[in-house]
């Protein structure tokens, strides 16, 4: 590595931005996600930056740049848009021993800004030392799909419970305890939007000093457009990748199964074409199979080809799951728009 990745604490510290235009505004937007004190150094500020100052979210220094201005800052972004001024400001910062990032001048940078996936307090930073920014963006997109939007809230809850866990769980069992939190039922409930059940399990586990065994699993009906797996939602992808058992039918199964967890048990419940009458006749055994697997504590996905209306098989499984007290959800699909038929007099209609 030519650069060591590290998180810099911002609580109670000042971060300086030199510049008052769009480049400076981009850095300000990034820093507003932290709790740093933001100081803007420029004779004039854009309307966006001026509004931050008016709202008390940043301070403004309109006077000359000096080493004293940089002294004590956690770090500084230099983004004036003027190459000569940026170089001079970087020299002043170094005289004050303040690390800097100079926009579009890697030769003057002590720090580089990574691509960030923000699930505060969980934060993922990705960098390539400036060699492959397109690849960094691709990796960031992949990580965004891996992490539920509210996963950081679960991490924050775990942080609040850490003291209680240390008092209740012996040191030798803490690693297994936290593995259960983030890989087991608490996380699964949390990502399905059932925070109450996740919190209930955590509270019980802290009281007893050990993970709570959940006897019942869950069932997700995932609707997938045939031959269009790129239209799967992030939630559908997550369910496929966490499933223990996948019941599948039709072309949706053939396409979407390529994105599913490799070691999941896969059970075909209908012909490759997804024949609707067959599925209607097979409703009872499918319901029994789904409930039996979920009753063993497994995460079950019923993968069906998307349709414009509700699927009778999905409704049957849902009714049976609710009656058995098993968590159930329907993950809808994004349906492609049908293009209008070309007019008869259109050159390409013939």
Protein backbone atom coordinates (compact mmCIF):
# COMPACT_ATOMS: atom_id res chain seq x y z
CA UNK A 1 0.00 0.00 0.00
CA UNK A 2 1.13 3.52 -0.76
CA UNK A 3 -1.55 5.00 1.50
CA UNK A 4 -2.73 3.66 4.84
CA UNK A 5 -6.53 3.67 5.27
CA UNK A 6 -7.60 5.28 8.53
CA UNK A 7 -10.67 6.97 10.01
CA UNK A 8 -10.09 10.43 11.43
CA UNK A 9 -12.10 11.49 14.48
CA UNK A 10 -14.10 14.67 13.86
CA UNK A 11 -15.94 15.16 17.17
CA UNK A 12 -15.02 18.54 18.64
CA UNK A 13 -12.57 19.27 15.83
CA UNK A 14 -12.43 21.78 12.98
CA UNK A 15 -12.12 20.91 9.30
CA UNK A 16 -11.09 23.75 7.01
CA UNK A 17 -12.25 24.17 3.42
CA UNK A 18 -10.39 26.72 1.32
CA UNK A 19 -12.64 27.93 -1.50
CA UNK A 20 -16.11 29.29 -1.97
CA UNK A 21 -17.33 27.74 -5.22
CA UNK A 22 -18.74 24.43 -6.42
CA UNK A 23 -15.62 22.36 -5.64
CA UNK A 24 -15.69 23.63 -2.06
CA UNK A 25 -19.44 22.98 -1.87
CA UNK A 26 -18.89 19.35 -2.88
CA UNK A 27 -16.49 18.88 0.03
CA UNK A 28 -18.86 20.67 2.39
CA UNK A 29 -21.69 18.29 1.46
CA UNK A 30 -19.42 15.39 2.31
CA UNK A 31 -18.38 16.84 5.67
CA UNK A 32 -21.92 17.74 6.70
CA UNK A 33 -22.43 14.02 7.25
CA UNK A 34 -19.94 14.26 10.15
CA UNK A 35 -20.01 16.22 13.41
CA UNK A 36 -16.95 18.34 12.56
CA UNK A 37 -16.91 22.11 12.97
CA UNK A 38 -16.77 23.39 9.40
CA UNK A 39 -14.75 26.51 8.57
CA UNK A 40 -14.99 28.01 5.07
CA UNK A 41 -12.08 30.21 3.99
CA UNK A 42 -12.79 32.38 0.93
CA UNK A 43 -13.44 36.07 0.19
CA UNK A 44 -16.86 35.19 -1.25
CA UNK A 45 -19.12 32.17 -0.87
CA UNK A 46 -21.57 30.61 -3.29
CA UNK A 47 -25.25 30.89 -2.29
CA UNK A 48 -25.19 27.28 -1.07
CA UNK A 49 -22.20 27.83 1.21
CA UNK A 50 -23.49 31.20 2.37
CA UNK A 51 -26.71 29.46 3.41
CA UNK A 52 -24.73 26.99 5.54
CA UNK A 53 -23.11 29.90 7.35
CA UNK A 54 -26.46 31.64 7.84
CA UNK A 55 -27.92 28.44 9.29
CA UNK A 56 -25.01 28.09 11.73
CA UNK A 57 -23.77 24.89 10.11
CA UNK A 58 -20.44 26.42 9.13
CA UNK A 59 -18.24 29.43 9.97
CA UNK A 60 -16.75 31.84 7.44
CA UNK A 61 -13.25 33.34 7.26
CA UNK A 62 -13.05 36.03 4.57
CA UNK A 63 -9.58 37.32 5.44
CA UNK A 64 -6.12 36.28 4.22
CA UNK A 65 -4.82 32.73 4.55
CA UNK A 66 -2.14 32.21 7.23
CA UNK A 67 -0.55 29.19 8.88
CA UNK A 68 -2.47 30.08 12.06
CA UNK A 69 -5.75 29.46 10.22
CA UNK A 70 -4.73 25.85 9.62
CA UNK A 71 -3.25 25.26 13.07
CA UNK A 72 -5.32 22.88 15.13
CA UNK A 73 -7.54 21.73 12.25
CA UNK A 74 -8.02 18.00 11.91
CA UNK A 75 -7.36 18.36 8.19
CA UNK A 76 -8.15 20.69 5.31
CA UNK A 77 -9.66 20.52 1.85
CA UNK A 78 -8.22 23.02 -0.61
CA UNK A 79 -10.64 23.68 -3.44
CA UNK A 80 -10.37 27.27 -4.60
CA UNK A 81 -10.35 26.43 -8.30
CA UNK A 82 -7.13 28.43 -8.78
CA UNK A 83 -4.02 26.27 -9.22
CA UNK A 84 -1.63 28.91 -7.85
CA UNK A 85 -3.79 29.66 -4.81
CA UNK A 86 -4.26 25.95 -4.11
CA UNK A 87 -0.50 25.36 -4.13
CA UNK A 88 0.11 28.34 -1.85
CA UNK A 89 -2.60 27.20 0.56
CA UNK A 90 -1.12 23.71 0.68
CA UNK A 91 2.26 25.18 1.60
CA UNK A 92 0.69 27.20 4.44
CA UNK A 93 -1.11 24.08 5.70
CA UNK A 94 2.12 22.10 5.78
CA UNK A 95 3.81 24.90 7.68
CA UNK A 96 1.08 24.45 10.31
CA UNK A 97 1.39 20.62 10.19
CA UNK A 98 -2.18 20.30 8.90
CA UNK A 99 -2.83 17.36 6.51
CA UNK A 100 -4.48 18.45 3.27
CA UNK A 101 -6.43 17.20 0.31
CA UNK A 102 -5.99 19.43 -2.74
CA UNK A 103 -8.70 18.89 -5.35
CA UNK A 104 -7.33 17.52 -8.65
CA UNK A 105 -3.73 17.79 -7.39
CA UNK A 106 -2.69 14.34 -6.11
CA UNK A 107 0.94 15.49 -5.96
CA UNK A 108 -0.02 17.99 -3.24
CA UNK A 109 -2.28 15.66 -1.24
CA UNK A 110 -1.51 14.16 2.15
CA UNK A 111 -5.00 12.65 2.20
CA UNK A 112 -7.31 11.25 -0.46
CA UNK A 113 -11.08 10.99 -0.24
CA UNK A 114 -12.44 7.45 -0.63
CA UNK A 115 -15.78 6.38 -2.01
CA UNK A 116 -18.05 6.06 1.01
CA UNK A 117 -20.92 3.73 1.84
CA UNK A 118 -22.60 5.40 4.79
CA UNK A 119 -24.61 3.32 7.23
CA UNK A 120 -23.55 5.36 10.25
CA UNK A 121 -22.08 4.32 12.59
CA UNK A 122 -21.11 1.63 10.09
CA UNK A 123 -19.02 3.24 7.35
CA UNK A 124 -17.24 1.53 4.45
CA UNK A 125 -14.49 3.43 2.64
CA UNK A 126 -13.12 2.27 -0.73
CA UNK A 127 -10.06 3.62 -2.53
CA UNK A 128 -7.59 2.71 -5.26
CA UNK A 129 -4.81 5.25 -4.56
CA UNK A 130 -6.19 7.23 -7.49
CA UNK A 131 -5.52 4.49 -10.04
CA UNK A 132 -9.02 3.18 -10.84
CA UNK A 133 -11.86 5.52 -9.87
CA UNK A 134 -14.36 3.74 -12.15
CA UNK A 135 -13.62 0.43 -10.44
CA UNK A 136 -14.03 2.09 -7.04
CA UNK A 137 -17.48 3.34 -8.04
CA UNK A 138 -18.45 -0.15 -9.22
CA UNK A 139 -17.36 -1.67 -5.92
CA UNK A 140 -19.24 1.00 -4.02
CA UNK A 141 -22.43 0.17 -5.92
CA UNK A 142 -21.95 -3.52 -5.11
CA UNK A 143 -21.46 -2.80 -1.39
CA UNK A 144 -24.52 -0.53 -1.38
CA UNK A 145 -26.62 -3.48 -2.54
CA UNK A 146 -25.13 -5.76 0.13
CA UNK A 147 -25.98 -3.56 3.12
CA UNK A 148 -29.54 -2.76 4.13
CA UNK A 149 -30.20 0.99 4.37
CA UNK A 150 -30.95 0.81 8.11
CA UNK A 151 -28.17 -1.64 9.04
CA UNK A 152 -26.31 1.17 10.79
CA UNK A 153 -29.20 1.53 13.23
CA UNK A 154 -28.70 -2.10 14.28
CA UNK A 155 -24.99 -1.41 14.77
CA UNK A 156 -25.88 1.62 16.90
CA UNK A 157 -28.25 -0.50 19.03
CA UNK A 158 -25.51 -3.07 19.50
CA UNK A 159 -23.19 -0.29 20.63
CA UNK A 160 -25.69 0.83 23.25
CA UNK A 161 -26.00 -2.73 24.53
CA UNK A 162 -22.28 -3.46 24.58
CA UNK A 163 -21.88 -2.65 28.28
CA UNK A 164 -24.83 -4.85 29.25
CA UNK A 165 -23.49 -7.69 27.09
CA UNK A 166 -20.08 -7.46 28.73
CA UNK A 167 -21.73 -7.80 32.14
CA UNK A 168 -24.03 -10.66 31.13
CA UNK A 169 -21.95 -12.73 28.70
CA UNK A 170 -18.62 -14.32 29.68
CA UNK A 171 -15.65 -13.09 27.65
CA UNK A 172 -15.26 -16.51 26.01
CA UNK A 173 -18.80 -16.35 24.61
CA UNK A 174 -18.95 -12.75 23.39
CA UNK A 175 -17.66 -13.36 19.88
CA UNK A 176 -20.31 -16.04 19.33
CA UNK A 177 -22.93 -13.73 20.84
CA UNK A 178 -22.17 -10.88 18.43
CA UNK A 179 -21.97 -13.32 15.53
CA UNK A 180 -25.51 -14.38 16.42
CA UNK A 181 -26.63 -10.73 16.50
CA UNK A 182 -25.24 -9.83 13.08
CA UNK A 183 -25.64 -13.17 11.27
CA UNK A 184 -28.66 -14.63 12.99
CA UNK A 185 -32.30 -13.84 13.77
CA UNK A 186 -31.81 -10.28 15.12
CA UNK A 187 -30.34 -9.07 11.83
CA UNK A 188 -32.85 -11.01 9.75
CA UNK A 189 -35.77 -9.47 11.65
CA UNK A 190 -34.17 -6.03 11.46
CA UNK A 191 -33.66 -6.11 7.70
CA UNK A 192 -37.26 -7.20 7.21
CA UNK A 193 -38.43 -4.11 9.07
CA UNK A 194 -39.47 -6.01 12.22
CA UNK A 195 -37.39 -4.04 14.69
CA UNK A 196 -39.63 -4.99 17.60
CA UNK A 197 -38.84 -8.70 17.21
CA UNK A 198 -35.13 -7.97 16.78
CA UNK A 199 -35.05 -5.84 19.93
CA UNK A 200 -37.08 -8.46 21.84
CA UNK A 201 -34.55 -11.17 20.95
CA UNK A 202 -31.64 -8.95 21.97
CA UNK A 203 -33.23 -8.10 25.30
CA UNK A 204 -33.91 -11.77 26.03
CA UNK A 205 -30.36 -12.70 25.07
CA UNK A 206 -28.88 -10.04 27.37
CA UNK A 207 -31.10 -11.19 30.24
CA UNK A 208 -30.09 -14.84 29.85
CA UNK A 209 -26.50 -14.21 28.78
CA UNK A 210 -26.78 -16.35 25.65
CA UNK A 211 -28.33 -16.20 22.16
CA UNK A 212 -32.02 -17.01 21.86
CA UNK A 213 -32.82 -19.96 19.64
CA UNK A 214 -35.65 -19.21 17.25
CA UNK A 215 -37.55 -22.32 16.25
CA UNK A 216 -39.46 -20.72 13.38
CA UNK A 217 -37.95 -19.38 10.20
CA UNK A 218 -39.56 -17.07 7.68
CA UNK A 219 -41.05 -17.15 4.19
CA UNK A 220 -40.51 -14.55 1.48
CA UNK A 221 -42.38 -14.58 -1.81
CA UNK A 222 -40.04 -13.00 -4.35
CA UNK A 223 -41.54 -11.92 -7.64
CA UNK A 224 -39.08 -11.75 -10.51
CA UNK A 225 -39.66 -10.61 -14.10
CA UNK A 226 -38.99 -13.38 -16.58
CA UNK A 227 -35.75 -12.95 -18.53
CA UNK A 228 -35.05 -9.61 -16.83
CA UNK A 229 -33.07 -10.33 -13.69
CA UNK A 230 -31.60 -6.83 -13.81
CA UNK A 231 -35.04 -5.61 -12.66
CA UNK A 232 -34.81 -7.51 -9.36
CA UNK A 233 -35.09 -5.15 -6.41
CA UNK A 234 -32.31 -4.88 -3.83
CA UNK A 235 -34.59 -6.54 -1.29
CA UNK A 236 -35.29 -9.44 -3.66
CA UNK A 237 -31.57 -9.91 -4.22
CA UNK A 238 -30.92 -9.86 -0.47
CA UNK A 239 -33.59 -12.51 0.15
CA UNK A 240 -32.14 -14.78 -2.55
CA UNK A 241 -28.66 -14.46 -1.10
CA UNK A 242 -29.73 -15.24 2.47
CA UNK A 243 -32.17 -18.07 1.68
CA UNK A 244 -31.71 -21.56 3.09
CA UNK A 245 -34.40 -23.07 0.83
CA UNK A 246 -35.70 -21.77 -2.51
CA UNK A 247 -38.94 -23.04 -4.06
CA UNK A 248 -38.99 -21.89 -7.67
CA UNK A 249 -41.12 -22.07 -10.77
CA UNK A 250 -41.04 -20.72 -14.28
CA UNK A 251 -38.52 -18.64 -16.15
CA UNK A 252 -38.11 -16.38 -13.13
CA UNK A 253 -36.49 -19.30 -11.35
CA UNK A 254 -34.09 -19.98 -14.18
CA UNK A 255 -32.94 -16.36 -14.38
CA UNK A 256 -32.91 -15.29 -10.74
CA UNK A 257 -31.42 -18.49 -9.34
CA UNK A 258 -28.09 -17.47 -10.82
CA UNK A 259 -28.01 -14.68 -8.24
CA UNK A 260 -29.07 -16.83 -5.29
CA UNK A 261 -27.01 -18.23 -2.46
CA UNK A 262 -24.99 -21.11 -3.87
CA UNK A 263 -25.56 -23.60 -1.04
CA UNK A 264 -29.30 -23.01 -0.70
CA UNK A 265 -31.53 -26.07 -1.17
CA UNK A 266 -33.44 -25.59 -4.45
CA UNK A 267 -36.79 -27.24 -5.07
CA UNK A 268 -38.63 -26.91 -8.39
CA UNK A 269 -42.38 -26.62 -7.84
CA UNK A 270 -43.53 -26.42 -11.43
CA UNK A 271 -42.53 -26.80 -15.07
CA UNK A 272 -39.91 -24.52 -16.57
CA UNK A 273 -42.60 -22.47 -18.26
CA UNK A 274 -44.32 -21.63 -14.99
CA UNK A 275 -47.65 -23.15 -16.07
CA UNK A 276 -50.30 -21.31 -14.03
CA UNK A 277 -52.87 -24.15 -13.91
CA UNK A 278 -50.19 -26.53 -12.66
CA UNK A 279 -49.19 -24.13 -9.90
CA UNK A 280 -52.81 -23.72 -8.88
CA UNK A 281 -53.16 -27.52 -8.55
CA UNK A 282 -49.85 -27.69 -6.65
CA UNK A 283 -50.79 -25.01 -4.14
CA UNK A 284 -51.40 -27.38 -1.22
CA UNK A 285 -48.09 -29.31 -1.42
CA UNK A 286 -46.18 -26.06 -2.00
CA UNK A 287 -47.76 -24.49 1.08
CA UNK A 288 -46.93 -27.58 3.13
CA UNK A 289 -43.33 -27.62 1.90
CA UNK A 290 -42.79 -23.93 2.63
CA UNK A 291 -44.26 -24.17 6.14
CA UNK A 292 -42.33 -27.35 6.91
CA UNK A 293 -39.00 -25.77 6.00
CA UNK A 294 -39.77 -22.52 7.82
CA UNK A 295 -40.85 -24.54 10.85
CA UNK A 296 -37.32 -25.92 11.03
CA UNK A 297 -36.01 -22.38 11.47
CA UNK A 298 -34.98 -21.97 7.83
CA UNK A 299 -35.30 -18.89 5.62
CA UNK A 300 -37.54 -19.89 2.72
CA UNK A 301 -37.95 -18.06 -0.58
CA UNK A 302 -40.84 -18.82 -2.91
CA UNK A 303 -39.63 -17.52 -6.27
CA UNK A 304 -42.41 -16.80 -8.74
CA UNK A 305 -42.61 -15.09 -12.08
CA UNK A 306 -43.94 -11.55 -11.67
CA UNK A 307 -47.41 -10.75 -12.90
CA UNK A 308 -49.55 -7.66 -13.00
CA UNK A 309 -51.89 -8.81 -10.21
CA UNK A 310 -51.48 -10.77 -6.98
CA UNK A 311 -50.48 -14.39 -7.27
CA UNK A 312 -52.97 -16.92 -5.87
CA UNK A 313 -50.17 -19.24 -4.74
CA UNK A 314 -48.48 -16.42 -2.84
CA UNK A 315 -51.74 -15.57 -1.11
CA UNK A 316 -52.25 -19.20 -0.11
CA UNK A 317 -48.76 -19.45 1.37
CA UNK A 318 -49.19 -16.12 3.14
CA UNK A 319 -52.47 -17.12 4.76
CA UNK A 320 -51.01 -20.41 5.98
CA UNK A 321 -47.85 -18.72 7.29
CA UNK A 322 -49.81 -16.13 9.25
CA UNK A 323 -52.01 -18.84 10.73
CA UNK A 324 -48.89 -20.72 11.85
CA UNK A 325 -47.27 -17.60 13.30
CA UNK A 326 -44.43 -17.66 10.76
CA UNK A 327 -43.01 -14.40 9.47
CA UNK A 328 -44.12 -13.79 5.90
CA UNK A 329 -43.55 -11.08 3.29
CA UNK A 330 -44.09 -10.44 -0.39
CA UNK A 331 -41.22 -8.79 -2.25
CA UNK A 332 -42.75 -7.26 -5.40
CA UNK A 333 -41.01 -6.95 -8.73
CA UNK A 334 -40.30 -4.05 -11.02
CA UNK A 335 -42.29 -4.75 -14.16
CA UNK A 336 -40.88 -3.46 -17.48
CA UNK A 337 -43.08 -1.03 -19.33
CA UNK A 338 -44.70 -2.38 -22.45
CA UNK A 339 -43.81 -0.35 -25.50
CA UNK A 340 -46.73 0.83 -27.59
CA UNK A 341 -47.34 -1.01 -30.86
CA UNK A 342 -45.96 0.88 -33.85
CA UNK A 343 -48.47 2.74 -35.99
CA UNK A 344 -49.38 1.10 -39.31
CA UNK A 345 -47.84 3.92 -41.32
CA UNK A 346 -44.59 3.88 -39.36
CA UNK A 347 -41.58 2.91 -41.54
CA UNK A 348 -40.58 0.18 -39.08
CA UNK A 349 -44.11 -1.25 -38.68
CA UNK A 350 -43.97 -3.42 -41.74
